[in-house]
PDB file of N, CA and C in Angstrom:
ATOM      1  N   MET A   1     -17.952 -60.901 -18.613  1.00  0.00           N
ATOM      2  CA  MET A   1     -17.473 -59.488 -17.837  1.00  0.00           C
ATOM      3  C   MET A   1     -18.964 -59.048 -17.534  1.00  0.00           C
ATOM      4  N   VAL A   2     -19.106 -58.023 -16.659  1.00  0.00           N
ATOM      5  CA  VAL A   2     -20.062 -57.285 -16.427  1.00  0.00           C
ATOM      6  C   VAL A   2     -20.255 -55.954 -17.365  1.00  0.00           C
ATOM      7  N   LYS A   3     -21.228 -55.704 -17.678  1.00  0.00           N
ATOM      8  CA  LYS A   3     -21.506 -54.456 -18.512  1.00  0.00           C
ATOM      9  C   LYS A   3     -22.550 -53.869 -17.838  1.00  0.00           C
ATOM     10  N   SER A   4     -22.578 -52.370 -17.608  1.00  0.00           N
ATOM     11  CA  SER A   4     -23.265 -51.477 -17.231  1.00  0.00           C
ATOM     12  C   SER A   4     -24.450 -50.866 -18.406  1.00  0.00           C
ATOM     13  N   GLN A   5     -25.507 -51.345 -18.318  1.00  0.00           N
ATOM     14  CA  GLN A   5     -26.384 -50.756 -19.417  1.00  0.00           C
ATOM     15  C   GLN A   5     -26.711 -49.316 -19.404  1.00  0.00           C
ATOM     16  N   ASP A   6     -27.138 -48.921 -18.015  1.00  0.00           N
ATOM     17  CA  ASP A   6     -27.495 -47.532 -18.021  1.00  0.00           C
ATOM     18  C   ASP A   6     -26.577 -46.587 -17.564  1.00  0.00           C
ATOM     19  N   TYR A   7     -25.227 -46.934 -17.364  1.00  0.00           N
ATOM     20  CA  TYR A   7     -24.053 -45.807 -16.749  1.00  0.00           C
ATOM     21  C   TYR A   7     -22.946 -45.954 -17.230  1.00  0.00           C
ATOM     22  N   ASP A   8     -22.225 -45.189 -17.798  1.00  0.00           N
ATOM     23  CA  ASP A   8     -20.819 -45.320 -18.610  1.00  0.00           C
ATOM     24  C   ASP A   8     -19.904 -45.582 -17.428  1.00  0.00           C
ATOM     25  N   LEU A   9     -19.172 -46.503 -17.233  1.00  0.00           N
ATOM     26  CA  LEU A   9     -18.264 -46.991 -16.331  1.00  0.00           C
ATOM     27  C   LEU A   9     -16.713 -46.270 -16.323  1.00  0.00           C
ATOM     28  N   ASP A  10     -16.540 -45.760 -17.708  1.00  0.00           N
ATOM     29  CA  ASP A  10     -15.541 -45.170 -17.702  1.00  0.00           C
ATOM     30  C   ASP A  10     -15.619 -43.583 -17.531  1.00  0.00           C
ATOM     31  N   LEU A  11     -16.862 -43.044 -17.473  1.00  0.00           N
ATOM     32  CA  LEU A  11     -17.198 -41.537 -16.816  1.00  0.00           C
ATOM     33  C   LEU A  11     -17.063 -41.718 -15.299  1.00  0.00           C
ATOM     34  N   ILE A  12     -17.901 -43.006 -14.865  1.00  0.00           N
ATOM     35  CA  ILE A  12     -18.125 -43.070 -13.719  1.00  0.00           C
ATOM     36  C   ILE A  12     -16.609 -42.908 -12.762  1.00  0.00           C
ATOM     37  N   PHE A  13     -15.793 -43.814 -13.222  1.00  0.00           N
ATOM     38  CA  PHE A  13     -14.272 -43.937 -12.775  1.00  0.00           C
ATOM     39  C   PHE A  13     -13.396 -42.814 -13.147  1.00  0.00           C
ATOM     40  N   GLN A  14     -13.701 -42.134 -14.043  1.00  0.00           N
ATOM     41  CA  GLN A  14     -12.701 -40.689 -14.466  1.00  0.00           C
ATOM     42  C   GLN A  14     -13.682 -39.610 -13.326  1.00  0.00           C
ATOM     43  N   ALA A  15     -14.733 -39.646 -12.800  1.00  0.00           N
ATOM     44  CA  ALA A  15     -15.249 -38.679 -12.015  1.00  0.00           C
ATOM     45  C   ALA A  15     -14.982 -39.084 -10.620  1.00  0.00           C
ATOM     46  N   LEU A  16     -14.893 -40.130 -10.318  1.00  0.00           N
ATOM     47  CA  LEU A  16     -14.301 -40.859  -9.051  1.00  0.00           C
ATOM     48  C   LEU A  16     -12.770 -40.600  -8.885  1.00  0.00           C
ATOM     49  N   ALA A  17     -12.246 -40.477  -9.762  1.00  0.00           N
ATOM     50  CA  ALA A  17     -10.642 -40.257  -9.707  1.00  0.00           C
ATOM     51  C   ALA A  17     -10.166 -39.072  -8.850  1.00  0.00           C
ATOM     52  N   ASP A  18     -11.005 -37.812  -8.935  1.00  0.00           N
ATOM     53  CA  ASP A  18     -10.523 -36.819  -8.509  1.00  0.00           C
ATOM     54  C   ASP A  18     -11.071 -36.553  -6.709  1.00  0.00           C
ATOM     55  N   PRO A  19     -10.330 -36.485  -5.894  1.00  0.00           N
ATOM     56  CA  PRO A  19     -10.332 -36.401  -4.593  1.00  0.00           C
ATOM     57  C   PRO A  19     -11.813 -35.264  -4.197  1.00  0.00           C
ATOM     58  N   THR A  20     -11.628 -34.119  -4.794  1.00  0.00           N
ATOM     59  CA  THR A  20     -12.590 -33.146  -4.736  1.00  0.00           C
ATOM     60  C   THR A  20     -13.982 -33.742  -5.172  1.00  0.00           C
ATOM     61  N   ARG A  21     -14.076 -34.505  -6.306  1.00  0.00           N
ATOM     62  CA  ARG A  21     -15.529 -35.023  -6.706  1.00  0.00           C
ATOM     63  C   ARG A  21     -15.808 -35.828  -5.754  1.00  0.00           C
ATOM     64  N   ARG A  22     -14.966 -36.799  -5.264  1.00  0.00           N
ATOM     65  CA  ARG A  22     -15.459 -37.806  -4.134  1.00  0.00           C
ATOM     66  C   ARG A  22     -15.812 -36.945  -2.735  1.00  0.00           C
ATOM     67  N   SER A  23     -15.045 -36.013  -2.396  1.00  0.00           N
ATOM     68  CA  SER A  23     -15.688 -35.391  -0.933  1.00  0.00           C
ATOM     69  C   SER A  23     -16.977 -34.522  -1.470  1.00  0.00           C
ATOM     70  N   MET A  24     -17.370 -34.117  -2.876  1.00  0.00           N
ATOM     71  CA  MET A  24     -18.350 -33.838  -3.252  1.00  0.00           C
ATOM     72  C   MET A  24     -19.423 -34.836  -2.799  1.00  0.00           C
ATOM     73  N   LEU A  25     -19.402 -36.009  -3.314  1.00  0.00           N
ATOM     74  CA  LEU A  25     -20.078 -37.035  -3.417  1.00  0.00           C
ATOM     75  C   LEU A  25     -20.496 -37.713  -1.917  1.00  0.00           C
ATOM     76  N   LYS A  26     -19.456 -37.538  -0.651  1.00  0.00           N
ATOM     77  CA  LYS A  26     -19.589 -37.819   0.446  1.00  0.00           C
ATOM     78  C   LYS A  26     -20.565 -36.681   1.002  1.00  0.00           C
ATOM     79  N   ASN A  27     -20.469 -35.541   0.862  1.00  0.00           N
ATOM     80  CA  ASN A  27     -21.394 -34.555   1.238  1.00  0.00           C
ATOM     81  C   ASN A  27     -22.776 -34.631   0.863  1.00  0.00           C
ATOM     82  N   LEU A  28     -22.953 -35.141  -0.409  1.00  0.00           N
ATOM     83  CA  LEU A  28     -24.194 -35.228  -1.059  1.00  0.00           C
ATOM     84  C   LEU A  28     -24.830 -36.531  -0.596  1.00  0.00           C
ATOM     85  N   SER A  29     -24.161 -37.571  -0.006  1.00  0.00           N
ATOM     86  CA  SER A  29     -24.584 -38.930   0.767  1.00  0.00           C
ATOM     87  C   SER A  29     -25.485 -38.470   1.797  1.00  0.00           C
ATOM     88  N   ARG A  30     -25.136 -37.396   2.283  1.00  0.00           N
ATOM     89  CA  ARG A  30     -25.800 -36.899   3.654  1.00  0.00           C
ATOM     90  C   ARG A  30     -27.341 -36.466   3.225  1.00  0.00           C
ATOM     91  N   LYS A  31     -27.223 -35.752   2.223  1.00  0.00           N
ATOM     92  CA  LYS A  31     -28.546 -34.666   1.970  1.00  0.00           C
ATOM     93  C   LYS A  31     -28.625 -33.852   0.680  1.00  0.00           C
ATOM     94  N   GLU A  32     -29.566 -33.785   0.028  1.00  0.00           N
ATOM     95  CA  GLU A  32     -29.498 -32.916  -1.119  1.00  0.00           C
ATOM     96  C   GLU A  32     -29.048 -31.592  -0.508  1.00  0.00           C
ATOM     97  N   ARG A  33     -28.296 -31.028  -1.572  1.00  0.00           N
ATOM     98  CA  ARG A  33     -27.617 -29.496  -1.303  1.00  0.00           C
ATOM     99  C   ARG A  33     -27.717 -28.533  -2.229  1.00  0.00           C
ATOM    100  N   ALA A  34     -27.660 -27.528  -1.989  1.00  0.00           N
ATOM    101  CA  ALA A  34     -27.676 -26.246  -2.882  1.00  0.00           C
ATOM    102  C   ALA A  34     -26.023 -26.306  -3.542  1.00  0.00           C
ATOM    103  N   ILE A  35     -25.577 -26.055  -4.681  1.00  0.00           N
ATOM    104  CA  ILE A  35     -24.503 -25.818  -5.346  1.00  0.00           C
ATOM    105  C   ILE A  35     -23.771 -25.068  -4.444  1.00  0.00           C
ATOM    106  N   THR A  36     -24.123 -23.616  -4.284  1.00  0.00           N
ATOM    107  CA  THR A  36     -23.232 -22.907  -3.274  1.00  0.00           C
ATOM    108  C   THR A  36     -23.075 -23.541  -1.809  1.00  0.00           C
ATOM    109  N   ASP A  37     -23.990 -24.317  -1.467  1.00  0.00           N
ATOM    110  CA  ASP A  37     -23.721 -25.282   0.105  1.00  0.00           C
ATOM    111  C   ASP A  37     -22.532 -26.283  -0.377  1.00  0.00           C
ATOM    112  N   LEU A  38     -22.637 -26.668  -1.338  1.00  0.00           N
ATOM    113  CA  LEU A  38     -21.534 -27.638  -1.828  1.00  0.00           C
ATOM    114  C   LEU A  38     -20.067 -27.206  -2.142  1.00  0.00           C
ATOM    115  N   ALA A  39     -20.431 -26.114  -2.389  1.00  0.00           N
ATOM    116  CA  ALA A  39     -19.013 -25.305  -2.773  1.00  0.00           C
ATOM    117  C   ALA A  39     -18.327 -24.742  -1.229  1.00  0.00           C
ATOM    118  N   GLU A  40     -19.088 -24.472  -0.183  1.00  0.00           N
ATOM    119  CA  GLU A  40     -18.623 -24.117   0.703  1.00  0.00           C
ATOM    120  C   GLU A  40     -17.111 -24.663   1.557  1.00  0.00           C
ATOM    121  N   PRO A  41     -16.984 -25.890   1.399  1.00  0.00           N
ATOM    122  CA  PRO A  41     -15.913 -26.246   2.246  1.00  0.00           C
ATOM    123  C   PRO A  41     -14.598 -26.245   1.172  1.00  0.00           C
ATOM    124  N   PHE A  42     -14.806 -25.778  -0.095  1.00  0.00           N
ATOM    125  CA  PHE A  42     -13.836 -25.985  -0.882  1.00  0.00           C
ATOM    126  C   PHE A  42     -13.136 -24.556  -1.304  1.00  0.00           C
ATOM    127  N   ASP A  43     -11.985 -24.345  -1.393  1.00  0.00           N
ATOM    128  CA  ASP A  43     -10.962 -22.863  -1.614  1.00  0.00           C
ATOM    129  C   ASP A  43     -10.932 -22.831  -3.153  1.00  0.00           C
ATOM    130  N   MET A  44     -12.140 -22.658  -3.895  1.00  0.00           N
ATOM    131  CA  MET A  44     -12.237 -22.359  -5.158  1.00  0.00           C
ATOM    132  C   MET A  44     -13.449 -21.587  -5.557  1.00  0.00           C
ATOM    133  N   SER A  45     -13.533 -21.162  -6.867  1.00  0.00           N
ATOM    134  CA  SER A  45     -14.238 -20.387  -7.436  1.00  0.00           C
ATOM    135  C   SER A  45     -16.104 -21.145  -7.772  1.00  0.00           C
ATOM    136  N   LEU A  46     -16.985 -20.517  -7.548  1.00  0.00           N
ATOM    137  CA  LEU A  46     -18.230 -21.572  -8.162  1.00  0.00           C
ATOM    138  C   LEU A  46     -17.976 -21.900  -9.596  1.00  0.00           C
ATOM    139  N   VAL A  47     -17.536 -21.214 -10.371  1.00  0.00           N
ATOM    140  CA  VAL A  47     -17.070 -21.629 -11.582  1.00  0.00           C
ATOM    141  C   VAL A  47     -16.502 -23.292 -11.476  1.00  0.00           C
ATOM    142  N   ALA A  48     -15.352 -23.286 -10.661  1.00  0.00           N
ATOM    143  CA  ALA A  48     -14.635 -23.979 -10.684  1.00  0.00           C
ATOM    144  C   ALA A  48     -15.455 -25.287 -10.111  1.00  0.00           C
ATOM    145  N   VAL A  49     -16.223 -25.108  -9.138  1.00  0.00           N
ATOM    146  CA  VAL A  49     -17.328 -26.044  -8.490  1.00  0.00           C
ATOM    147  C   VAL A  49     -18.401 -26.557  -9.414  1.00  0.00           C
ATOM    148  N   SER A  50     -18.745 -25.709 -10.348  1.00  0.00           N
ATOM    149  CA  SER A  50     -19.704 -26.077 -11.537  1.00  0.00           C
ATOM    150  C   SER A  50     -19.190 -27.069 -12.216  1.00  0.00           C
ATOM    151  N   LYS A  51     -17.825 -26.952 -12.631  1.00  0.00           N
ATOM    152  CA  LYS A  51     -17.042 -27.685 -13.531  1.00  0.00           C
ATOM    153  C   LYS A  51     -17.252 -29.302 -13.121  1.00  0.00           C
ATOM    154  N   HIS A  52     -16.768 -29.142 -11.475  1.00  0.00           N
ATOM    155  CA  HIS A  52     -16.669 -30.515 -11.040  1.00  0.00           C
ATOM    156  C   HIS A  52     -18.035 -31.142 -11.034  1.00  0.00           C
ATOM    157  N   VAL A  53     -18.906 -30.325 -10.539  1.00  0.00           N
ATOM    158  CA  VAL A  53     -20.703 -30.950 -10.690  1.00  0.00           C
ATOM    159  C   VAL A  53     -20.622 -31.146 -12.010  1.00  0.00           C
ATOM    160  N   LYS A  54     -20.428 -30.702 -13.139  1.00  0.00           N
ATOM    161  CA  LYS A  54     -20.735 -31.006 -14.510  1.00  0.00           C
ATOM    162  C   LYS A  54     -20.164 -32.568 -14.678  1.00  0.00           C
ATOM    163  N   VAL A  55     -19.140 -32.828 -14.430  1.00  0.00           N
ATOM    164  CA  VAL A  55     -18.372 -34.096 -14.447  1.00  0.00           C
ATOM    165  C   VAL A  55     -19.202 -35.307 -13.640  1.00  0.00           C
ATOM    166  N   LEU A  56     -19.542 -34.717 -12.630  1.00  0.00           N
ATOM    167  CA  LEU A  56     -20.502 -35.853 -11.562  1.00  0.00           C
ATOM    168  C   LEU A  56     -21.768 -35.842 -12.564  1.00  0.00           C
ATOM    169  N   GLU A  57     -22.353 -34.956 -13.314  1.00  0.00           N
ATOM    170  CA  GLU A  57     -23.703 -35.314 -13.733  1.00  0.00           C
ATOM    171  C   GLU A  57     -23.615 -36.052 -15.039  1.00  0.00           C
ATOM    172  N   ARG A  58     -22.474 -35.553 -15.662  1.00  0.00           N
ATOM    173  CA  ARG A  58     -22.025 -36.647 -17.020  1.00  0.00           C
ATOM    174  C   ARG A  58     -22.162 -37.953 -16.531  1.00  0.00           C
ATOM    175  N   ALA A  59     -21.182 -38.434 -15.438  1.00  0.00           N
ATOM    176  CA  ALA A  59     -21.030 -39.560 -15.139  1.00  0.00           C
ATOM    177  C   ALA A  59     -22.606 -40.331 -14.566  1.00  0.00           C
ATOM    178  N   GLY A  60     -23.617 -39.279 -14.245  1.00  0.00           N
ATOM    179  CA  GLY A  60     -24.786 -40.037 -13.788  1.00  0.00           C
ATOM    180  C   GLY A  60     -24.643 -40.107 -12.217  1.00  0.00           C
ATOM    181  N   LEU A  61     -23.660 -39.635 -11.624  1.00  0.00           N
ATOM    182  CA  LEU A  61     -23.387 -39.870 -10.202  1.00  0.00           C
ATOM    183  C   LEU A  61     -24.364 -38.787  -9.263  1.00  0.00           C
ATOM    184  N   VAL A  62     -24.994 -37.674  -9.951  1.00  0.00           N
ATOM    185  CA  VAL A  62     -25.618 -36.768  -9.204  1.00  0.00           C
ATOM    186  C   VAL A  62     -26.757 -36.387  -9.971  1.00  0.00           C
ATOM    187  N   GLU A  63     -27.826 -36.035  -9.612  1.00  0.00           N
ATOM    188  CA  GLU A  63     -28.848 -35.385 -10.483  1.00  0.00           C
ATOM    189  C   GLU A  63     -29.193 -33.941  -9.766  1.00  0.00           C
ATOM    190  N   ARG A  64     -29.735 -33.048 -10.726  1.00  0.00           N
ATOM    191  CA  ARG A  64     -29.874 -31.797 -10.315  1.00  0.00           C
ATOM    192  C   ARG A  64     -31.398 -31.503 -10.547  1.00  0.00           C
ATOM    193  N   ARG A  65     -31.955 -30.631  -9.658  1.00  0.00           N
ATOM    194  CA  ARG A  65     -32.978 -30.193  -9.777  1.00  0.00           C
ATOM    195  C   ARG A  65     -33.116 -28.650  -9.363  1.00  0.00           C
ATOM    196  N   TRP A  66     -34.076 -27.821 -10.255  1.00  0.00           N
ATOM    197  CA  TRP A  66     -34.044 -26.311 -10.037  1.00  0.00           C
ATOM    198  C   TRP A  66     -35.520 -26.019  -9.122  1.00  0.00           C
ATOM    199  N   ALA A  67     -35.129 -25.039  -8.048  1.00  0.00           N
ATOM    200  CA  ALA A  67     -36.294 -24.320  -7.611  1.00  0.00           C
ATOM    201  C   ALA A  67     -35.867 -22.971  -7.762  1.00  0.00           C
ATOM    202  N   GLY A  68     -36.748 -22.198  -8.745  1.00  0.00           N
ATOM    203  CA  GLY A  68     -36.231 -20.925  -8.961  1.00  0.00           C
ATOM    204  C   GLY A  68     -35.221 -20.774  -9.700  1.00  0.00           C
ATOM    205  N   ASN A  69     -34.093 -19.777  -8.804  1.00  0.00           N
ATOM    206  CA  ASN A  69     -33.044 -19.504  -9.189  1.00  0.00           C
ATOM    207  C   ASN A  69     -31.911 -20.586  -8.814  1.00  0.00           C
ATOM    208  N   PHE A  70     -32.324 -21.515  -8.030  1.00  0.00           N
ATOM    209  CA  PHE A  70     -31.182 -22.072  -7.502  1.00  0.00           C
ATOM    210  C   PHE A  70     -31.453 -23.662  -8.071  1.00  0.00           C
ATOM    211  N   SER A  71     -30.126 -24.356  -7.930  1.00  0.00           N
ATOM    212  CA  SER A  71     -30.408 -25.347  -8.433  1.00  0.00           C
ATOM    213  C   SER A  71     -29.693 -26.175  -7.375  1.00  0.00           C
ATOM    214  N   TYR A  72     -30.185 -27.566  -6.722  1.00  0.00           N
ATOM    215  CA  TYR A  72     -29.905 -28.639  -5.830  1.00  0.00           C
ATOM    216  C   TYR A  72     -29.460 -29.769  -6.608  1.00  0.00           C
ATOM    217  N   LEU A  73     -28.506 -30.226  -5.600  1.00  0.00           N
ATOM    218  CA  LEU A  73     -28.014 -31.742  -6.220  1.00  0.00           C
ATOM    219  C   LEU A  73     -28.186 -32.691  -5.154  1.00  0.00           C
ATOM    220  N   LYS A  74     -28.386 -33.957  -5.795  1.00  0.00           N
ATOM    221  CA  LYS A  74     -28.701 -35.215  -4.846  1.00  0.00           C
ATOM    222  C   LYS A  74     -27.605 -36.380  -5.568  1.00  0.00           C
ATOM    223  N   LEU A  75     -27.334 -37.110  -4.739  1.00  0.00           N
ATOM    224  CA  LEU A  75     -26.597 -38.363  -5.443  1.00  0.00           C
ATOM    225  C   LEU A  75     -27.504 -39.235  -5.751  1.00  0.00           C
ATOM    226  N   ASN A  76     -27.029 -39.767  -6.989  1.00  0.00           N
ATOM    227  CA  ASN A  76     -28.084 -40.830  -7.604  1.00  0.00           C
ATOM    228  C   ASN A  76     -27.098 -42.283  -7.333  1.00  0.00           C
ATOM    229  N   PRO A  77     -27.849 -42.978  -6.464  1.00  0.00           N
ATOM    230  CA  PRO A  77     -26.969 -44.104  -6.078  1.00  0.00           C
ATOM    231  C   PRO A  77     -27.223 -45.262  -6.927  1.00  0.00           C
ATOM    232  N   LYS A  78     -27.828 -45.071  -7.783  1.00  0.00           N
ATOM    233  CA  LYS A  78     -27.880 -46.275  -8.917  1.00  0.00           C
ATOM    234  C   LYS A  78     -26.610 -46.372  -9.789  1.00  0.00           C
ATOM    235  N   ALA A  79     -25.926 -45.092 -10.127  1.00  0.00           N
ATOM    236  CA  ALA A  79     -24.815 -45.059 -10.963  1.00  0.00           C
ATOM    237  C   ALA A  79     -23.505 -45.860  -9.858  1.00  0.00           C
ATOM    238  N   ILE A  80     -23.350 -45.523  -8.698  1.00  0.00           N
ATOM    239  CA  ILE A  80     -22.598 -45.997  -8.060  1.00  0.00           C
ATOM    240  C   ILE A  80     -22.822 -47.651  -7.856  1.00  0.00           C
ATOM    241  N   HIS A  81     -23.790 -48.044  -7.535  1.00  0.00           N
ATOM    242  CA  HIS A  81     -24.319 -49.384  -7.512  1.00  0.00           C
ATOM    243  C   HIS A  81     -23.535 -50.167  -8.851  1.00  0.00           C
ATOM    244  N   SER A  82     -24.036 -49.354 -10.094  1.00  0.00           N
ATOM    245  CA  SER A  82     -23.284 -49.734 -11.350  1.00  0.00           C
ATOM    246  C   SER A  82     -21.775 -49.793 -11.319  1.00  0.00           C
ATOM    247  N   ALA A  83     -21.010 -49.053 -10.544  1.00  0.00           N
ATOM    248  CA  ALA A  83     -19.450 -49.281 -10.615  1.00  0.00           C
ATOM    249  C   ALA A  83     -19.399 -50.440  -9.505  1.00  0.00           C
ATOM    250  N   ASP A  84     -20.030 -50.627  -8.582  1.00  0.00           N
ATOM    251  CA  ASP A  84     -19.905 -51.350  -7.215  1.00  0.00           C
ATOM    252  C   ASP A  84     -19.807 -53.004  -7.993  1.00  0.00           C
ATOM    253  N   ASP A  85     -21.345 -53.078  -9.134  1.00  0.00           N
ATOM    254  CA  ASP A  85     -21.387 -54.399  -9.579  1.00  0.00           C
ATOM    255  C   ASP A  85     -20.196 -54.776 -10.440  1.00  0.00           C
ATOM    256  N   TRP A  86     -19.784 -53.693 -10.939  1.00  0.00           N
ATOM    257  CA  TRP A  86     -18.699 -54.311 -11.830  1.00  0.00           C
ATOM    258  C   TRP A  86     -17.088 -54.733 -10.859  1.00  0.00           C
ATOM    259  N   ILE A  87     -17.080 -53.956  -9.876  1.00  0.00           N
ATOM    260  CA  ILE A  87     -15.889 -54.284  -9.064  1.00  0.00           C
ATOM    261  C   ILE A  87     -15.952 -55.538  -8.452  1.00  0.00           C
ATOM    262  N   GLU A  88     -17.431 -55.895  -7.704  1.00  0.00           N
ATOM    263  CA  GLU A  88     -17.580 -57.136  -6.923  1.00  0.00           C
ATOM    264  C   GLU A  88     -17.672 -58.308  -7.859  1.00  0.00           C
ATOM    265  N   TYR A  89     -17.803 -58.175  -9.681  1.00  0.00           N
ATOM    266  CA  TYR A  89     -17.708 -59.361 -10.399  1.00  0.00           C
ATOM    267  C   TYR A  89     -15.975 -59.783 -10.100  1.00  0.00           C
ATOM    268  N   TYR A  90     -15.518 -58.699 -10.461  1.00  0.00           N
ATOM    269  CA  TYR A  90     -13.897 -59.033 -10.494  1.00  0.00           C
ATOM    270  C   TYR A  90     -13.366 -59.158  -8.993  1.00  0.00           C
ATOM    271  N   ARG A  91     -14.045 -58.648  -8.120  1.00  0.00           N
ATOM    272  CA  ARG A  91     -13.285 -59.062  -6.567  1.00  0.00           C
ATOM    273  C   ARG A  91     -13.530 -60.589  -6.389  1.00  0.00           C
ATOM    274  N   LYS A  92     -14.880 -61.143  -6.550  1.00  0.00           N
ATOM    275  CA  LYS A  92     -15.176 -62.315  -6.900  1.00  0.00           C
ATOM    276  C   LYS A  92     -14.181 -63.263  -7.750  1.00  0.00           C
ATOM    277  N   PHE A  93     -13.939 -62.722  -8.828  1.00  0.00           N
ATOM    278  CA  PHE A  93     -13.116 -63.679  -9.862  1.00  0.00           C
ATOM    279  C   PHE A  93     -11.690 -63.672  -9.400  1.00  0.00           C
ATOM    280  N   TRP A  94     -11.360 -62.931  -8.645  1.00  0.00           N
ATOM    281  CA  TRP A  94      -9.766 -62.718  -8.026  1.00  0.00           C
ATOM    282  C   TRP A  94      -9.714 -63.544  -6.848  1.00  0.00           C
ATOM    283  N   GLU A  95     -10.806 -63.467  -6.037  1.00  0.00           N
ATOM    284  CA  GLU A  95     -10.775 -64.387  -4.761  1.00  0.00           C
ATOM    285  C   GLU A  95     -10.772 -65.729  -5.193  1.00  0.00           C
ATOM    286  N   LEU A  96     -11.488 -66.206  -6.127  1.00  0.00           N
ATOM    287  CA  LEU A  96     -11.717 -67.483  -6.678  1.00  0.00           C
ATOM    288  C   LEU A  96     -10.352 -67.969  -7.136  1.00  0.00           C
ATOM    289  N   SER A  97      -9.716 -67.138  -8.061  1.00  0.00           N
ATOM    290  CA  SER A  97      -8.459 -67.568  -8.408  1.00  0.00           C
ATOM    291  C   SER A  97      -7.421 -67.647  -7.425  1.00  0.00           C
ATOM    292  N   LEU A  98      -7.416 -66.655  -6.617  1.00  0.00           N
ATOM    293  CA  LEU A  98      -6.333 -66.854  -5.714  1.00  0.00           C
ATOM    294  C   LEU A  98      -6.425 -67.875  -4.531  1.00  0.00           C
ATOM    295  N   ASP A  99      -7.634 -68.320  -4.363  1.00  0.00           N
ATOM    296  CA  ASP A  99      -8.074 -69.615  -3.541  1.00  0.00           C
ATOM    297  C   ASP A  99      -7.669 -70.827  -4.318  1.00  0.00           C
ATOM    298  N   ARG A 100      -7.688 -70.916  -5.356  1.00  0.00           N
ATOM    299  CA  ARG A 100      -7.450 -72.061  -6.322  1.00  0.00           C
ATOM    300  C   ARG A 100      -5.890 -71.998  -6.380  1.00  0.00           C
ATOM    301  N   LEU A 101      -5.160 -71.040  -6.269  1.00  0.00           N
ATOM    302  CA  LEU A 101      -3.558 -71.008  -6.488  1.00  0.00           C
ATOM    303  C   LEU A 101      -3.143 -71.415  -5.067  1.00  0.00           C
ATOM    304  N   ASP A 102      -3.871 -70.789  -4.029  1.00  0.00           N
ATOM    305  CA  ASP A 102      -3.435 -71.331  -2.610  1.00  0.00           C
ATOM    306  C   ASP A 102      -3.791 -72.713  -2.603  1.00  0.00           C
ATOM    307  N   ASN A 103      -4.634 -73.613  -2.839  1.00  0.00           N
ATOM    308  CA  ASN A 103      -4.946 -74.764  -2.876  1.00  0.00           C
ATOM    309  C   ASN A 103      -3.893 -75.519  -3.635  1.00  0.00           C
ATOM    310  N   TYR A 104      -3.577 -75.219  -4.721  1.00  0.00           N
ATOM    311  CA  TYR A 104      -2.515 -75.977  -5.504  1.00  0.00           C
ATOM    312  C   TYR A 104      -1.293 -75.810  -4.933  1.00  0.00           C
ATOM    313  N   LEU A 105      -0.714 -74.474  -4.597  1.00  0.00           N
ATOM    314  CA  LEU A 105       0.527 -74.520  -3.545  1.00  0.00           C
ATOM    315  C   LEU A 105       0.337 -75.363  -2.432  1.00  0.00           C
ATOM    316  N   GLN A 106      -0.537 -75.320  -1.487  1.00  0.00           N
ATOM    317  CA  GLN A 106      -0.493 -76.426  -0.395  1.00  0.00           C
ATOM    318  C   GLN A 106      -0.307 -77.852  -0.950  1.00  0.00           C
ATOM    319  N   GLU A 107      -1.293 -78.231  -1.870  1.00  0.00           N
ATOM    320  CA  GLU A 107      -1.107 -79.676  -2.418  1.00  0.00           C
ATOM    321  C   GLU A 107       0.504 -79.859  -2.838  1.00  0.00           C
ATOM    322  N   THR A 108       0.908 -78.874  -3.662  1.00  0.00           N
ATOM    323  CA  THR A 108       2.422 -79.261  -4.110  1.00  0.00           C
ATOM    324  C   THR A 108       3.274 -79.162  -2.760  1.00  0.00           C
ATOM    325  N   GLN A 109       3.114 -78.245  -1.904  1.00  0.00           N
ATOM    326  CA  GLN A 109       4.250 -78.261  -0.620  1.00  0.00           C
ATOM    327  C   GLN A 109       3.857 -79.607   0.024  1.00  0.00           C
ATOM    328  N   LYS A 110       2.735 -80.041   0.056  1.00  0.00           N
ATOM    329  CA  LYS A 110       2.267 -81.598   0.956  1.00  0.00           C
ATOM    330  C   LYS A 110       3.402 -82.602   0.094  1.00  0.00           C
ATOM    331  N   LYS A 111       3.159 -82.582  -1.252  1.00  0.00           N
ATOM    332  CA  LYS A 111       4.136 -83.320  -2.127  1.00  0.00           C
ATOM    333  C   LYS A 111       5.363 -83.353  -2.073  1.00  0.00           C
ATOM    334  N   ALA A 112       5.852 -82.286  -2.131  1.00  0.00           N
ATOM    335  CA  ALA A 112       7.208 -81.990  -2.034  1.00  0.00           C
ATOM    336  C   ALA A 112       7.995 -82.169  -0.427  1.00  0.00           C
ATOM    337  N   CYS A 113       7.276 -82.042   0.579  1.00  0.00           N
ATOM    338  CA  CYS A 113       7.811 -82.388   1.817  1.00  0.00           C
ATOM    339  C   CYS A 113       6.897 -83.042   2.660  1.00  0.00           C
ATOM    340  N   PRO A 114       7.147 -84.383   2.608  1.00  0.00           N
ATOM    341  CA  PRO A 114       6.434 -85.442   3.350  1.00  0.00           C
ATOM    342  C   PRO A 114       6.301 -85.128   4.917  1.00  0.00           C
ATOM    343  N   PRO A 115       5.517 -85.438   5.694  1.00  0.00           N
ATOM    344  CA  PRO A 115       5.539 -85.329   6.972  1.00  0.00           C
ATOM    345  C   PRO A 115       6.557 -85.566   7.708  1.00  0.00           C
ATOM    346  N   ALA A 116       7.124 -85.327   8.902  1.00  0.00           N
ATOM    347  CA  ALA A 116       8.367 -86.085   9.783  1.00  0.00           C
ATOM    348  C   ALA A 116       7.969 -87.531   9.892  1.00  0.00           C
ATOM    349  N   GLY A 117       9.395 -88.144   9.893  1.00  0.00           N
ATOM    350  CA  GLY A 117       9.080 -89.574   9.972  1.00  0.00           C
ATOM    351  C   GLY A 117       8.738 -90.306   8.851  1.00  0.00           C
ATOM    352  N   ARG A 118       8.560 -89.920   7.859  1.00  0.00           N
ATOM    353  CA  ARG A 118       7.907 -90.702   6.502  1.00  0.00           C
ATOM    354  C   ARG A 118       8.965 -90.228   5.394  1.00  0.00           C
ATOM    355  N   GLU A 119      10.199 -89.569   5.997  1.00  0.00           N
ATOM    356  CA  GLU A 119      11.026 -89.394   4.738  1.00  0.00           C
ATOM    357  C   GLU A 119      11.497 -90.626   3.545  1.00  0.00           C
ATOM    358  N   LYS A 120      11.447 -90.347   2.581  1.00  0.00           N
ATOM    359  CA  LYS A 120      12.017 -91.513   1.564  1.00  0.00           C
ATOM    360  C   LYS A 120      13.470 -91.695   1.750  1.00  0.00           C
ATOM    361  N   LYS A 121      13.869 -93.288   1.903  1.00  0.00           N
ATOM    362  CA  LYS A 121      15.158 -93.529   2.049  1.00  0.00           C
ATOM    363  C   LYS A 121      15.924 -93.825   0.615  1.00  0.00           C
TER     364      LYS A 121
END
């Protein structure tokens, strides 16, 4: 099994489970933003936005930098890559398993149904 040494996958998937946080990450994928700019498209208070941001920070999905009284957020792609590595491992596992099952079913079907003209008497 694949394990992430740098990031807690439980925190990452918990953060990604919320559509508001996924939308925030999408906005941050374009460029670094101030929290007030990040909050703009959402109909919620800055306190609520701040709570979402804290979940994203705890998961390692975003990084914060301060410039005076303003904080700016940027996406941390390493955390997403950690989750992607985990998903990729299991995608390959299931593709291989399903391919083997498909091959087995095809072989079984060939043995059960011989081609026309070769039926057993």
